[in-house]
C-alpha atoms as a PDB file:
ATOM      1  CA  MET A   1     -37.881 143.229  36.230  1.00  0.00           C
ATOM      2  CA  GLY A   2     -34.678 145.062  35.424  1.00  0.00           C
ATOM      3  CA  TYR A   3     -31.921 146.691  37.401  1.00  0.00           C
ATOM      4  CA  ASP A   4     -29.838 149.801  36.904  1.00  0.00           C
ATOM      5  CA  TYR A   5     -26.619 149.218  34.961  1.00  0.00           C
ATOM      6  CA  THR A   6     -24.144 150.992  32.719  1.00  0.00           C
ATOM      7  CA  CYS A   7     -23.206 149.338  29.425  1.00  0.00           C
ATOM      8  CA  ASP A   8     -19.529 148.329  29.394  1.00  0.00           C
ATOM      9  CA  GLU A   9     -19.288 149.090  25.672  1.00  0.00           C
ATOM     10  CA  CYS A  10     -21.041 152.421  25.089  1.00  0.00           C
ATOM     11  CA  GLY A  11     -21.388 153.686  28.672  1.00  0.00           C
ATOM     12  CA  GLU A  12     -25.128 154.317  28.419  1.00  0.00           C
ATOM     13  CA  PRO A  13     -27.239 153.610  31.517  1.00  0.00           C
ATOM     14  CA  GLY A  14     -30.224 151.285  31.351  1.00  0.00           C
ATOM     15  CA  GLU A  15     -32.612 149.032  33.234  1.00  0.00           C
ATOM     16  CA  HIS A  16     -32.747 145.874  31.077  1.00  0.00           C
ATOM     17  CA  PRO A  17     -29.378 144.616  29.786  1.00  0.00           C
ATOM     18  CA  GLY A  18     -29.146 142.697  26.544  1.00  0.00           C
ATOM     19  CA  LEU A  19     -26.266 140.467  27.632  1.00  0.00           C
ATOM     20  CA  LEU A  20     -24.370 139.620  30.807  1.00  0.00           C
ATOM     21  CA  GLY A  21     -21.171 137.616  30.895  1.00  0.00           C
ATOM     22  CA  SER A  22     -18.412 136.568  33.263  1.00  0.00           C
ATOM     23  CA  PHE A  23     -14.938 135.189  32.687  1.00  0.00           C
ATOM     24  CA  ASN A  24     -14.103 131.487  32.813  1.00  0.00           C
ATOM     25  CA  LYS A  25     -11.341 130.800  35.380  1.00  0.00           C
ATOM     26  CA  ARG A  26      -9.507 128.333  33.151  1.00  0.00           C
ATOM     27  CA  THR A  27      -9.489 130.730  30.186  1.00  0.00           C
ATOM     28  CA  TRP A  28      -8.529 133.576  32.498  1.00  0.00           C
ATOM     29  CA  THR A  29      -5.488 131.799  33.926  1.00  0.00           C
ATOM     30  CA  THR A  30      -4.168 129.741  31.005  1.00  0.00           C
ATOM     31  CA  THR A  31      -4.660 131.616  27.724  1.00  0.00           C
ATOM     32  CA  PRO A  32      -3.327 134.698  25.949  1.00  0.00           C
ATOM     33  CA  PHE A  33      -6.931 135.961  25.804  1.00  0.00           C
ATOM     34  CA  GLY A  34      -7.073 135.930  29.598  1.00  0.00           C
ATOM     35  CA  GLU A  35      -3.767 137.798  29.745  1.00  0.00           C
ATOM     36  CA  ARG A  36      -5.114 140.469  27.377  1.00  0.00           C
ATOM     37  CA  LEU A  37      -8.238 140.940  29.488  1.00  0.00           C
ATOM     38  CA  GLN A  38      -6.122 141.280  32.627  1.00  0.00           C
ATOM     39  CA  ALA A  39      -3.967 143.882  30.873  1.00  0.00           C
ATOM     40  CA  LEU A  40      -7.154 145.832  30.117  1.00  0.00           C
ATOM     41  CA  GLY A  41      -7.949 145.938  33.836  1.00  0.00           C
ATOM     42  CA  TYR A  42     -10.602 143.242  34.054  1.00  0.00           C
ATOM     43  CA  GLU A  43     -10.590 140.881  37.021  1.00  0.00           C
ATOM     44  CA  LEU A  44     -11.762 137.316  37.429  1.00  0.00           C
ATOM     45  CA  GLY A  45     -15.300 137.557  38.773  1.00  0.00           C
ATOM     46  CA  ASP A  46     -16.160 140.745  36.874  1.00  0.00           C
ATOM     47  CA  THR A  47     -19.506 140.766  35.114  1.00  0.00           C
ATOM     48  CA  ILE A  48     -19.600 142.398  31.707  1.00  0.00           C
ATOM     49  CA  THR A  49     -22.915 144.060  30.868  1.00  0.00           C
ATOM     50  CA  LEU A  50     -24.044 145.145  27.415  1.00  0.00           C
ATOM     51  CA  CYS A  51     -27.143 147.130  26.504  1.00  0.00           C
ATOM     52  CA  PRO A  52     -29.534 145.693  23.904  1.00  0.00           C
ATOM     53  CA  GLU A  53     -28.104 147.892  21.120  1.00  0.00           C
ATOM     54  CA  CYS A  54     -24.481 146.849  21.761  1.00  0.00           C
ATOM     55  CA  THR A  55     -25.562 143.218  22.093  1.00  0.00           C
ATOM     56  CA  HIS A  56     -27.239 143.412  18.694  1.00  0.00           C
ATOM     57  CA  ARG A  57     -24.128 144.966  17.146  1.00  0.00           C
ATOM     58  CA  LEU A  58     -21.958 142.205  18.671  1.00  0.00           C
ATOM     59  CA  LEU A  59     -24.147 139.338  17.479  1.00  0.00           C
ATOM     60  CA  ARG A  60     -24.903 140.375  13.915  1.00  0.00           C
END
């Protein structure tokens, strides 16, 4: 069973995401990586959703 989503990488809608992720609080608050994500407008608690095609591109 899927749900409606929009891929955070390519912007395409879908029903079955390839990958979901959320930010680790410790990384978010104590590392330069967390600072960069905050500067991009992400918030702690956001869920990042990738379609199967973007997931494949990320993992190869």
